[in-house]
Amino acid sequence: MRMQLPEHLSIAQLTAGYDKIDISPAANGRIAHNRAYLEDMIKGGGTYYGINTGFGSLCNVRIADDELAQLQENLVCSHACGMGDEVPQDIVRLMLLLKVHGLGQGYSGVRTGIVQRLADLYNHDITPVVYELGSLGASGDLAPLAHLCLPLFGKGEVYYKGERMPSAQALQRAGLQPMALAAKEGLALLNGTQFMNSYLSWSLMAAQRLSEWADAIGALSADAFMAKNEPFRHPLHRIRPHKGQIAAAANMLRWLDGSPIQQLHKEQVQDPYSFRCIPQVHGATRDVIDTVLRVAETEMNSVTDNPIVFHDEEAIMSGGNFHGQPLALHADFLAIAMSELANISERRTYLLVSGQRGLPPFLTPNAGLNSGFMIAQYTAAAIVSQNKQYCTPASADSIVSSNGQEDHVSMGANAAVKLRKVIMNVQRVLAIELLTAAQALDLRRPHRSSPALEKIYDGLRQVAPFMPTDDVLHYRLTAAERYLDNHPAQLAGL
């Protein structure tokens, strides 16, 4: 859908999606008024960092007025030195959207035409080629944002309607002309935390979806393992009222509501922690998601470049709003919290294949001749081990840069990039558990789970059938992963 960007942007709005974006008249008015003030200040002969000086440790080098436009283009070109894997196109589009919204706050000193051209790239499906490596998460996401903005003046590469090509060619096909940058604009485009926050926002959207799936899959596994629903009942959580814990416990009861398996007699007095403590573990992750979401939303509605042009206070101030420390710390926090969903999921998978409670070893009817789901648990274990490595905090590091001028950095870009890897791994581990639980449920027949969980089971079985004898399990695992990727848990179980 085509929508005017709101004054306040939220993760919920990003989840709903924007096919095309319009800049509001109010935002355009702020941008124009702010730019007019900046141009008056430049004409007054003052010296302002990055506007008519060099950058970083070259901040004391005064640039002649007739070279200010070239200064900005040089800045973008010299900073476009990213390396490594390409940033996924959906995250690059988030970068464009968040950059437009950030500049629309009206404190960055850019022209309305520059902000509109970023919106044009978004609306014409022109997606710049951006690379993962190069940002220290302070002074803004310099290298990634440089690659994002090269196409404004016809440099760099883009994907245009899915095809990779030089940006000048894509602009021509879309009927757009390259734009020269004016004073301050290159710096405003490169300073900012939109690379970090796009990864963080993507990860939050995925985390919310996977948190719901973790509860649903945990409930399916609970029935498949003949676990009790007693640990999910409200009195236990009323006396330890963490918000996430209460929500996760209520979710478990909702998914298990109407399950005939829950009415069967259970021999065990208690279940292992990976079942009994689902509300406490899943719930703690929910609380972290809520905490990080507030940080991400604050950031996306902030001004994070430098210097900042305060037309309303008649001042141009140099500061550090581009420093990514809030994002770095919370990206690391979210990675740890999400990895725990995979850690506890793998333990449930292990129990399901362990040959306990009447289930055959490795969930295969003829164990020995068949290995069944033996190595699926190995795969889950390998993935959770990799996640533990990814959870080493990037935010604990800092390296001096720019000849000592930038002597503390956040490493938030690295934190955000590896967070996405953790999120993708969590989805894979949950997919393994889902497939394992469905196999176990088949072996419990004629006993049935709840109507909601049986619907999830039916949806999975359309893409990943029961495995009576050994087969290439990879195809079923990846089909289960796509099932989680394409279906919210709530809809899948309705």
Protein backbone atom coordinates (compact mmCIF):
# COMPACT_ATOMS: atom_id res chain seq x y z
CA MET A 1 0.00 0.00 0.00
CA ARG A 2 1.08 3.61 -0.53
CA MET A 3 1.03 5.58 2.69
CA GLN A 4 2.14 8.91 4.02
CA LEU A 5 4.83 8.40 6.62
CA PRO A 6 3.38 9.15 10.06
CA GLU A 7 4.84 11.62 12.50
CA HIS A 8 5.72 8.70 14.78
CA LEU A 9 6.86 5.43 13.22
CA SER A 10 6.49 2.08 15.00
CA ILE A 11 7.54 -1.54 14.62
CA ALA A 12 3.87 -2.43 14.17
CA GLN A 13 3.66 -0.11 11.16
CA LEU A 14 6.83 -1.60 9.68
CA THR A 15 5.33 -5.06 10.16
CA ALA A 16 2.22 -4.02 8.24
CA GLY A 17 4.51 -2.79 5.47
CA TYR A 18 4.77 0.12 3.06
CA ASP A 19 4.85 -0.58 -0.68
CA LYS A 20 5.28 3.12 -1.42
CA ILE A 21 5.79 6.11 0.85
CA ASP A 22 4.83 9.78 0.75
CA ILE A 23 6.45 12.54 2.80
CA SER A 24 3.89 14.53 4.74
CA PRO A 25 3.40 18.26 4.08
CA ALA A 26 4.36 18.90 7.71
CA ALA A 27 7.67 17.08 7.27
CA ASN A 28 8.40 18.90 4.01
CA GLY A 29 7.71 22.19 5.75
CA ARG A 30 10.13 21.36 8.57
CA ILE A 31 12.83 20.31 6.13
CA ALA A 32 12.50 23.44 4.00
CA HIS A 33 12.47 25.82 6.98
CA ASN A 34 15.52 24.13 8.47
CA ARG A 35 17.43 24.28 5.18
CA ALA A 36 16.69 27.97 4.74
CA TYR A 37 18.13 28.69 8.18
CA LEU A 38 21.29 26.70 7.39
CA GLU A 39 21.85 28.54 4.11
CA ASP A 40 21.55 31.87 5.91
CA MET A 41 24.15 30.73 8.43
CA ILE A 42 26.58 29.64 5.70
CA LYS A 43 26.20 33.01 3.98
CA GLY A 44 27.02 34.65 7.32
CA GLY A 45 30.58 33.29 7.10
CA GLY A 46 30.66 31.00 10.16
CA THR A 47 32.67 27.77 10.32
CA TYR A 48 30.65 24.62 10.99
CA TYR A 49 31.86 21.04 11.21
CA GLY A 50 31.19 19.01 8.09
CA ILE A 51 29.38 21.88 6.42
CA ASN A 52 32.39 23.94 5.43
CA THR A 53 35.17 21.94 7.11
CA GLY A 54 36.78 18.55 6.57
CA PHE A 55 35.62 15.47 8.41
CA GLY A 56 36.79 13.45 11.39
CA SER A 57 40.29 14.45 12.37
CA LEU A 58 40.25 16.92 9.44
CA CYS A 59 37.57 18.97 11.20
CA ASN A 60 39.84 22.05 11.43
CA VAL A 61 40.40 22.30 7.65
CA ARG A 62 38.19 25.11 6.25
CA ILE A 63 36.70 24.43 2.80
CA ALA A 64 36.05 27.21 0.28
CA ASP A 65 32.40 28.01 -0.45
CA ASP A 66 32.69 27.10 -4.13
CA GLU A 67 33.92 23.60 -3.16
CA LEU A 68 31.17 22.71 -0.67
CA ALA A 69 29.12 20.62 -3.13
CA GLN A 70 32.23 18.70 -4.21
CA LEU A 71 33.11 18.19 -0.55
CA GLN A 72 29.83 16.37 0.04
CA GLU A 73 30.14 14.12 -3.02
CA ASN A 74 33.75 13.32 -2.11
CA LEU A 75 32.58 12.37 1.36
CA VAL A 76 30.04 9.86 0.10
CA CYS A 77 32.43 8.33 -2.44
CA SER A 78 35.33 8.00 0.01
CA HIS A 79 33.14 6.44 2.65
CA ALA A 80 31.58 3.88 0.30
CA CYS A 81 34.11 1.23 1.28
CA GLY A 82 31.91 -1.56 2.58
CA MET A 83 32.87 -5.19 2.14
CA GLY A 84 31.50 -8.64 2.82
CA ASP A 85 28.05 -10.01 2.09
CA GLU A 86 25.36 -7.83 0.59
CA VAL A 87 22.74 -6.52 2.95
CA PRO A 88 19.41 -8.26 2.15
CA GLN A 89 17.20 -6.09 -0.03
CA ASP A 90 14.32 -6.00 2.45
CA ILE A 91 16.67 -4.52 5.05
CA VAL A 92 18.05 -1.99 2.53
CA ARG A 93 14.49 -0.86 1.89
CA LEU A 94 14.06 -0.43 5.64
CA MET A 95 17.22 1.70 5.62
CA LEU A 96 15.73 3.94 2.94
CA LEU A 97 12.46 4.29 4.82
CA LEU A 98 14.13 5.05 8.15
CA LYS A 99 16.50 7.55 6.50
CA VAL A 100 13.59 9.41 4.94
CA HIS A 101 11.78 9.46 8.27
CA GLY A 102 14.86 10.60 10.19
CA LEU A 103 15.62 13.46 7.81
CA GLY A 104 11.93 14.34 7.93
CA GLN A 105 12.31 15.39 11.55
CA GLY A 106 13.68 18.64 10.11
CA TYR A 107 16.97 19.11 11.95
CA SER A 108 19.48 17.82 9.39
CA GLY A 109 19.89 20.81 7.09
CA VAL A 110 19.10 19.00 3.85
CA ARG A 111 16.90 20.09 0.95
CA THR A 112 13.44 18.65 0.47
CA GLY A 113 14.50 17.35 -2.94
CA ILE A 114 17.15 15.08 -1.45
CA VAL A 115 14.69 13.50 0.96
CA GLN A 116 12.16 13.11 -1.83
CA ARG A 117 14.75 11.40 -4.01
CA LEU A 118 15.38 8.82 -1.28
CA ALA A 119 11.62 8.24 -1.26
CA ASP A 120 11.73 7.98 -5.07
CA LEU A 121 14.29 5.18 -4.84
CA TYR A 122 11.97 3.35 -2.44
CA ASN A 123 8.87 3.93 -4.54
CA HIS A 124 10.49 2.98 -7.86
CA ASP A 125 11.86 -0.26 -6.39
CA ILE A 126 15.45 0.95 -6.80
CA THR A 127 17.34 -0.82 -4.02
CA PRO A 128 20.98 0.21 -3.53
CA VAL A 129 23.63 -2.48 -3.15
CA VAL A 130 24.93 -2.17 0.42
CA TYR A 131 27.52 -4.32 2.19
CA GLU A 132 27.43 -5.69 5.73
CA LEU A 133 30.95 -4.76 6.82
CA GLY A 134 32.33 -1.28 7.37
CA SER A 135 30.41 0.43 10.15
CA LEU A 136 31.81 0.85 13.64
CA GLY A 137 28.42 1.96 14.93
CA ALA A 138 29.56 5.48 15.74
CA SER A 139 29.84 8.61 13.61
CA GLY A 140 26.83 6.91 12.14
CA ASP A 141 26.78 3.85 9.92
CA LEU A 142 29.16 5.60 7.55
CA ALA A 143 30.10 2.94 4.99
CA PRO A 144 26.67 1.27 4.64
CA LEU A 145 24.87 4.62 4.40
CA ALA A 146 27.39 5.82 1.81
CA HIS A 147 26.51 2.87 -0.40
CA LEU A 148 22.83 3.55 0.25
CA CYS A 149 23.18 7.15 -0.98
CA LEU A 150 25.57 6.81 -3.93
CA PRO A 151 22.64 6.40 -6.36
CA LEU A 152 21.40 9.91 -5.53
CA PHE A 153 24.09 11.27 -7.81
CA GLY A 154 24.28 8.30 -10.17
CA LYS A 155 27.07 6.23 -8.64
CA GLY A 156 27.19 2.77 -7.14
CA GLU A 157 25.00 -0.19 -8.00
CA VAL A 158 21.36 -1.00 -7.37
CA TYR A 159 18.73 -3.64 -7.91
CA TYR A 160 16.00 -2.26 -10.14
CA LYS A 161 12.91 -4.44 -10.18
CA GLY A 162 15.11 -7.37 -9.17
CA GLU A 163 17.92 -6.82 -11.70
CA ARG A 164 21.35 -5.64 -10.60
CA MET A 165 22.75 -2.73 -12.60
CA PRO A 166 24.69 0.56 -12.32
CA SER A 167 22.57 3.14 -10.53
CA ALA A 168 22.81 5.62 -13.43
CA GLN A 169 21.13 3.05 -15.66
CA ALA A 170 18.39 2.40 -13.15
CA LEU A 171 17.71 6.11 -12.70
CA GLN A 172 17.40 6.51 -16.45
CA ARG A 173 14.96 3.61 -16.73
CA ALA A 174 12.87 5.06 -13.91
CA GLY A 175 12.85 8.54 -15.48
CA LEU A 176 14.96 10.10 -12.71
CA GLN A 177 18.00 12.38 -13.04
CA PRO A 178 21.08 12.23 -10.78
CA MET A 179 21.13 15.00 -8.18
CA ALA A 180 24.18 17.00 -7.08
CA LEU A 181 24.60 17.26 -3.33
CA ALA A 182 24.69 20.63 -1.58
CA ALA A 183 26.42 21.76 1.61
CA LYS A 184 25.86 19.50 4.65
CA GLU A 185 23.86 16.91 2.70
CA GLY A 186 26.52 14.22 2.32
CA LEU A 187 27.24 14.33 6.02
CA ALA A 188 23.54 14.23 6.92
CA LEU A 189 23.08 11.20 4.67
CA LEU A 190 26.05 9.28 6.09
CA ASN A 191 25.69 10.16 9.76
CA GLY A 192 22.88 8.21 11.33
CA THR A 193 22.03 4.81 12.79
CA GLN A 194 19.68 3.57 10.07
CA PHE A 195 21.83 0.55 9.17
CA MET A 196 21.94 -0.70 12.76
CA ASN A 197 18.30 0.10 13.38
CA SER A 198 17.08 -1.52 10.16
CA TYR A 199 18.69 -4.79 11.19
CA LEU A 200 17.35 -4.37 14.72
CA SER A 201 13.84 -3.56 13.46
CA TRP A 202 13.85 -6.54 11.09
CA SER A 203 14.99 -8.73 13.96
CA LEU A 204 12.27 -7.42 16.27
CA MET A 205 9.57 -8.16 13.71
CA ALA A 206 10.92 -11.69 13.32
CA ALA A 207 11.36 -12.07 17.09
CA GLN A 208 7.72 -11.23 17.76
CA ARG A 209 6.61 -13.83 15.22
CA LEU A 210 9.00 -16.51 16.50
CA SER A 211 8.08 -15.86 20.12
CA GLU A 212 4.49 -16.78 19.29
CA TRP A 213 5.65 -19.82 17.35
CA ALA A 214 7.83 -20.95 20.26
CA ASP A 215 4.78 -21.11 22.52
CA ALA A 216 2.71 -22.98 19.93
CA ILE A 217 5.46 -25.48 19.13
CA GLY A 218 6.24 -25.93 22.82
CA ALA A 219 2.58 -26.77 23.41
CA LEU A 220 2.56 -29.28 20.54
CA SER A 221 5.71 -30.88 21.97
CA ALA A 222 4.11 -30.96 25.41
CA ASP A 223 1.23 -33.08 24.11
CA ALA A 224 3.59 -35.23 22.04
CA PHE A 225 5.71 -35.90 25.17
CA MET A 226 2.67 -36.42 27.40
CA ALA A 227 3.67 -33.44 29.55
CA LYS A 228 1.27 -31.92 32.06
CA ASN A 229 -0.39 -28.52 31.72
CA GLU A 230 -0.23 -27.88 35.49
CA PRO A 231 2.90 -25.64 35.24
CA PHE A 232 1.00 -23.26 32.97
CA ARG A 233 -1.91 -22.55 35.29
CA HIS A 234 -2.43 -18.99 36.41
CA PRO A 235 -1.96 -19.21 40.22
CA LEU A 236 1.72 -20.08 39.74
CA HIS A 237 2.29 -16.96 37.66
CA ARG A 238 0.06 -14.67 39.66
CA ILE A 239 2.58 -14.87 42.49
CA ARG A 240 5.54 -14.13 40.16
CA PRO A 241 3.88 -11.63 37.88
CA HIS A 242 6.43 -10.91 35.19
CA LYS A 243 4.44 -9.71 32.19
CA GLY A 244 6.07 -12.05 29.69
CA GLN A 245 5.79 -15.06 31.98
CA ILE A 246 2.08 -14.49 32.48
CA ALA A 247 1.55 -14.07 28.73
CA ALA A 248 3.53 -17.19 27.83
CA ALA A 249 1.69 -19.31 30.42
CA ALA A 250 -1.67 -18.08 29.16
CA ASN A 251 -0.58 -18.87 25.62
CA MET A 252 0.35 -22.42 26.55
CA LEU A 253 -3.05 -23.00 28.14
CA ARG A 254 -4.78 -21.47 25.13
CA TRP A 255 -2.93 -23.75 22.70
CA LEU A 256 -3.62 -26.83 24.81
CA ASP A 257 -7.28 -25.97 25.43
CA GLY A 258 -9.50 -28.88 24.42
CA SER A 259 -6.66 -31.38 24.02
CA PRO A 260 -7.77 -34.97 24.73
CA ILE A 261 -4.14 -35.86 25.44
CA GLN A 262 -4.20 -33.51 28.43
CA GLN A 263 -7.05 -35.56 29.88
CA LEU A 264 -5.01 -38.78 29.85
CA HIS A 265 -3.46 -40.05 33.08
CA LYS A 266 0.21 -39.07 33.43
CA GLU A 267 2.63 -41.26 35.39
CA GLN A 268 5.24 -38.58 36.05
CA VAL A 269 5.08 -36.26 39.07
CA GLN A 270 6.93 -33.46 37.25
CA ASP A 271 8.20 -32.80 33.73
CA PRO A 272 11.73 -31.69 32.79
CA TYR A 273 12.46 -27.97 32.90
CA SER A 274 12.33 -27.61 29.13
CA PHE A 275 8.57 -28.21 29.44
CA ARG A 276 7.80 -27.15 32.99
CA CYS A 277 9.64 -23.81 32.70
CA ILE A 278 8.36 -22.72 29.30
CA PRO A 279 6.50 -19.72 30.79
CA GLN A 280 9.57 -18.54 32.66
CA VAL A 281 12.01 -18.94 29.75
CA HIS A 282 9.77 -17.91 26.85
CA GLY A 283 8.30 -15.16 29.01
CA ALA A 284 11.68 -13.66 29.84
CA THR A 285 12.43 -13.45 26.12
CA ARG A 286 9.09 -11.71 25.58
CA ASP A 287 10.05 -9.08 28.15
CA VAL A 288 13.37 -8.46 26.42
CA ILE A 289 11.61 -8.07 23.08
CA ASP A 290 9.36 -5.41 24.62
CA THR A 291 12.36 -3.59 26.10
CA VAL A 292 14.33 -3.59 22.86
CA LEU A 293 11.27 -2.56 20.85
CA ARG A 294 10.98 0.64 22.88
CA VAL A 295 14.63 1.45 22.17
CA ALA A 296 14.28 0.78 18.43
CA GLU A 297 11.17 2.93 18.16
CA THR A 298 12.78 5.77 20.06
CA GLU A 299 15.73 5.57 17.69
CA MET A 300 13.73 5.50 14.47
CA ASN A 301 11.90 8.66 15.54
CA SER A 302 15.10 10.48 16.50
CA VAL A 303 17.61 12.72 14.76
CA THR A 304 20.92 10.86 14.64
CA ASP A 305 23.20 12.81 12.31
CA ASN A 306 25.76 15.50 13.17
CA PRO A 307 26.01 18.45 13.39
CA ILE A 308 22.35 19.16 14.08
CA VAL A 309 20.76 22.33 12.76
CA PHE A 310 18.43 23.89 15.35
CA HIS A 311 16.57 26.55 13.38
CA ASP A 312 14.14 26.91 16.28
CA GLU A 313 17.00 27.70 18.69
CA GLU A 314 19.18 29.48 16.13
CA ALA A 315 22.13 27.17 16.69
CA ILE A 316 24.19 24.53 14.92
CA MET A 317 25.43 22.03 17.48
CA SER A 318 27.99 19.23 17.17
CA GLY A 319 27.22 16.25 19.36
CA GLY A 320 27.11 12.48 19.36
CA ASN A 321 23.58 11.40 18.49
CA PHE A 322 25.03 9.10 15.83
CA HIS A 323 26.68 6.93 18.51
CA GLY A 324 25.05 3.52 18.40
CA GLN A 325 25.56 2.47 22.02
CA PRO A 326 21.82 2.14 22.85
CA LEU A 327 21.31 -0.06 19.79
CA ALA A 328 24.51 -2.04 20.29
CA LEU A 329 23.71 -3.02 23.87
CA HIS A 330 20.12 -3.92 23.09
CA ALA A 331 20.98 -5.85 19.92
CA ASP A 332 23.32 -7.99 22.00
CA PHE A 333 20.62 -8.34 24.67
CA LEU A 334 18.02 -9.45 22.12
CA ALA A 335 20.44 -11.95 20.59
CA ILE A 336 20.96 -13.57 24.00
CA ALA A 337 17.23 -13.61 24.74
CA MET A 338 16.30 -15.12 21.38
CA SER A 339 19.05 -17.71 21.56
CA GLU A 340 17.38 -19.04 24.70
CA LEU A 341 14.26 -19.91 22.69
CA ALA A 342 16.48 -22.13 20.56
CA ASN A 343 18.36 -23.55 23.56
CA ILE A 344 15.20 -24.76 25.30
CA SER A 345 13.65 -25.88 22.00
CA GLU A 346 16.61 -28.16 21.26
CA ARG A 347 16.20 -29.75 24.71
CA ARG A 348 12.56 -30.57 23.94
CA THR A 349 13.63 -32.09 20.63
CA TYR A 350 16.19 -34.18 22.46
CA LEU A 351 13.55 -35.52 24.86
CA LEU A 352 11.17 -36.35 22.02
CA VAL A 353 13.79 -38.50 20.23
CA SER A 354 15.12 -40.09 23.43
CA GLY A 355 12.75 -43.07 23.44
CA GLN A 356 10.90 -42.06 26.60
CA ARG A 357 7.19 -42.20 27.54
CA GLY A 358 6.20 -44.80 25.01
CA LEU A 359 7.79 -43.16 21.98
CA PRO A 360 10.22 -45.25 19.90
CA PRO A 361 13.89 -44.21 19.87
CA PHE A 362 14.48 -41.40 17.37
CA LEU A 363 10.77 -41.45 16.46
CA THR A 364 11.08 -44.17 13.85
CA PRO A 365 8.92 -47.33 13.89
CA ASN A 366 11.86 -49.60 13.08
CA ALA A 367 14.81 -48.11 14.98
CA GLY A 368 18.10 -49.71 14.06
CA LEU A 369 17.37 -50.25 10.42
CA ASN A 370 16.20 -46.63 10.47
CA SER A 371 17.91 -43.72 12.25
CA GLY A 372 14.81 -41.56 12.14
CA PHE A 373 15.26 -38.14 13.72
CA MET A 374 18.61 -38.93 15.37
CA ILE A 375 20.63 -36.46 13.31
CA ALA A 376 17.91 -33.80 13.25
CA GLN A 377 18.72 -33.31 16.93
CA TYR A 378 22.43 -33.10 16.02
CA THR A 379 21.59 -30.31 13.60
CA ALA A 380 19.65 -28.45 16.28
CA ALA A 381 22.56 -28.88 18.70
CA ALA A 382 25.03 -27.54 16.12
CA ILE A 383 22.85 -24.50 15.48
CA VAL A 384 22.38 -23.63 19.15
CA SER A 385 26.12 -23.96 19.66
CA GLN A 386 26.72 -21.51 16.81
CA ASN A 387 24.24 -19.12 18.38
CA LYS A 388 26.20 -19.18 21.63
CA GLN A 389 29.22 -18.00 19.65
CA TYR A 390 27.18 -15.25 18.00
CA CYS A 391 26.00 -14.13 21.45
CA THR A 392 29.47 -12.95 22.43
CA PRO A 393 28.68 -9.23 22.82
CA ALA A 394 29.96 -6.96 20.07
CA SER A 395 29.13 -3.96 22.26
CA ALA A 396 31.91 -4.88 24.69
CA ASP A 397 34.47 -3.90 22.04
CA SER A 398 35.75 -0.54 20.84
CA ILE A 399 38.58 0.40 18.46
CA VAL A 400 40.03 3.90 18.05
CA SER A 401 39.45 5.37 14.57
CA SER A 402 39.88 8.61 12.58
CA ASN A 403 43.30 9.36 13.98
CA GLY A 404 42.00 9.34 17.53
CA GLN A 405 39.10 11.77 16.99
CA GLU A 406 36.62 8.92 17.17
CA ASP A 407 38.13 7.16 20.15
CA HIS A 408 35.12 5.16 21.39
CA VAL A 409 32.73 3.32 19.09
CA SER A 410 29.76 1.06 19.77
CA MET A 411 30.26 -1.79 17.29
CA GLY A 412 26.47 -1.73 17.03
CA ALA A 413 26.56 -2.62 13.34
CA ASN A 414 28.33 -5.89 14.07
CA ALA A 415 25.91 -6.54 16.93
CA ALA A 416 22.92 -5.96 14.66
CA VAL A 417 24.23 -8.09 11.79
CA LYS A 418 24.95 -11.09 13.99
CA LEU A 419 21.60 -10.63 15.74
CA ARG A 420 19.91 -11.39 12.44
CA LYS A 421 21.96 -14.58 12.14
CA VAL A 422 20.79 -15.61 15.61
CA ILE A 423 17.16 -14.93 14.69
CA MET A 424 17.42 -17.03 11.53
CA ASN A 425 19.00 -19.85 13.53
CA VAL A 426 16.21 -19.72 16.11
CA GLN A 427 13.69 -20.23 13.33
CA ARG A 428 15.62 -23.29 12.11
CA VAL A 429 15.74 -24.87 15.57
CA LEU A 430 12.02 -24.25 16.09
CA ALA A 431 11.33 -25.82 12.69
CA ILE A 432 13.23 -28.94 13.79
CA GLU A 433 11.19 -29.12 16.98
CA LEU A 434 7.93 -28.63 15.09
CA LEU A 435 8.71 -31.45 12.69
CA THR A 436 9.86 -33.68 15.55
CA ALA A 437 6.73 -32.97 17.59
CA ALA A 438 4.51 -33.73 14.61
CA GLN A 439 6.29 -37.05 14.07
CA ALA A 440 5.83 -37.90 17.74
CA LEU A 441 2.16 -36.96 17.58
CA ASP A 442 1.70 -39.31 14.62
CA LEU A 443 3.14 -42.09 16.74
CA ARG A 444 0.62 -41.27 19.49
CA ARG A 445 -2.38 -41.82 17.27
CA PRO A 446 -5.30 -42.28 17.74
CA HIS A 447 -4.76 -39.75 20.55
CA ARG A 448 -5.24 -36.17 19.44
CA SER A 449 -4.06 -32.76 20.52
CA SER A 450 -6.18 -29.59 20.75
CA PRO A 451 -8.12 -28.30 17.73
CA ALA A 452 -5.73 -25.33 17.38
CA LEU A 453 -2.61 -27.50 17.51
CA GLU A 454 -4.11 -30.08 15.17
CA LYS A 455 -4.63 -27.31 12.66
CA ILE A 456 -0.94 -26.38 12.89
CA TYR A 457 -0.14 -30.08 12.48
CA ASP A 458 -2.37 -30.30 9.39
CA GLY A 459 -0.75 -27.24 7.83
CA LEU A 460 2.72 -28.68 8.36
CA ARG A 461 1.73 -32.04 6.94
CA GLN A 462 0.72 -30.38 3.68
CA VAL A 463 4.38 -29.51 3.09
CA ALA A 464 6.24 -32.08 5.22
CA PRO A 465 4.60 -35.53 5.49
CA PHE A 466 5.10 -38.18 8.16
CA MET A 467 8.37 -40.11 7.75
CA PRO A 468 7.69 -43.87 8.20
CA THR A 469 11.17 -44.90 7.05
CA ASP A 470 14.43 -43.04 6.57
CA ASP A 471 14.39 -40.43 3.85
CA VAL A 472 16.37 -37.28 3.03
CA LEU A 473 15.25 -35.33 6.07
CA HIS A 474 16.70 -32.01 4.84
CA TYR A 475 13.71 -31.41 2.60
CA ARG A 476 11.21 -31.83 5.42
CA LEU A 477 13.28 -29.57 7.71
CA THR A 478 13.49 -26.75 5.19
CA ALA A 479 9.79 -27.12 4.38
CA ALA A 480 9.02 -26.73 8.10
CA GLU A 481 11.27 -23.66 8.22
CA ARG A 482 9.40 -22.08 5.30
CA TYR A 483 6.12 -22.90 7.04
CA LEU A 484 7.20 -20.89 10.09
CA ASP A 485 8.49 -18.09 7.88
CA ASN A 486 5.25 -17.76 5.93
CA HIS A 487 2.63 -18.25 8.64
CA PRO A 488 2.06 -16.40 11.92
CA ALA A 489 1.37 -18.94 14.65
CA GLN A 490 -1.98 -17.40 15.56
CA LEU A 491 -3.32 -17.68 12.00
CA ALA A 492 -1.90 -21.16 11.50
CA GLY A 493 -3.78 -22.39 14.56
CA LEU A 494 -7.14 -20.70 13.99
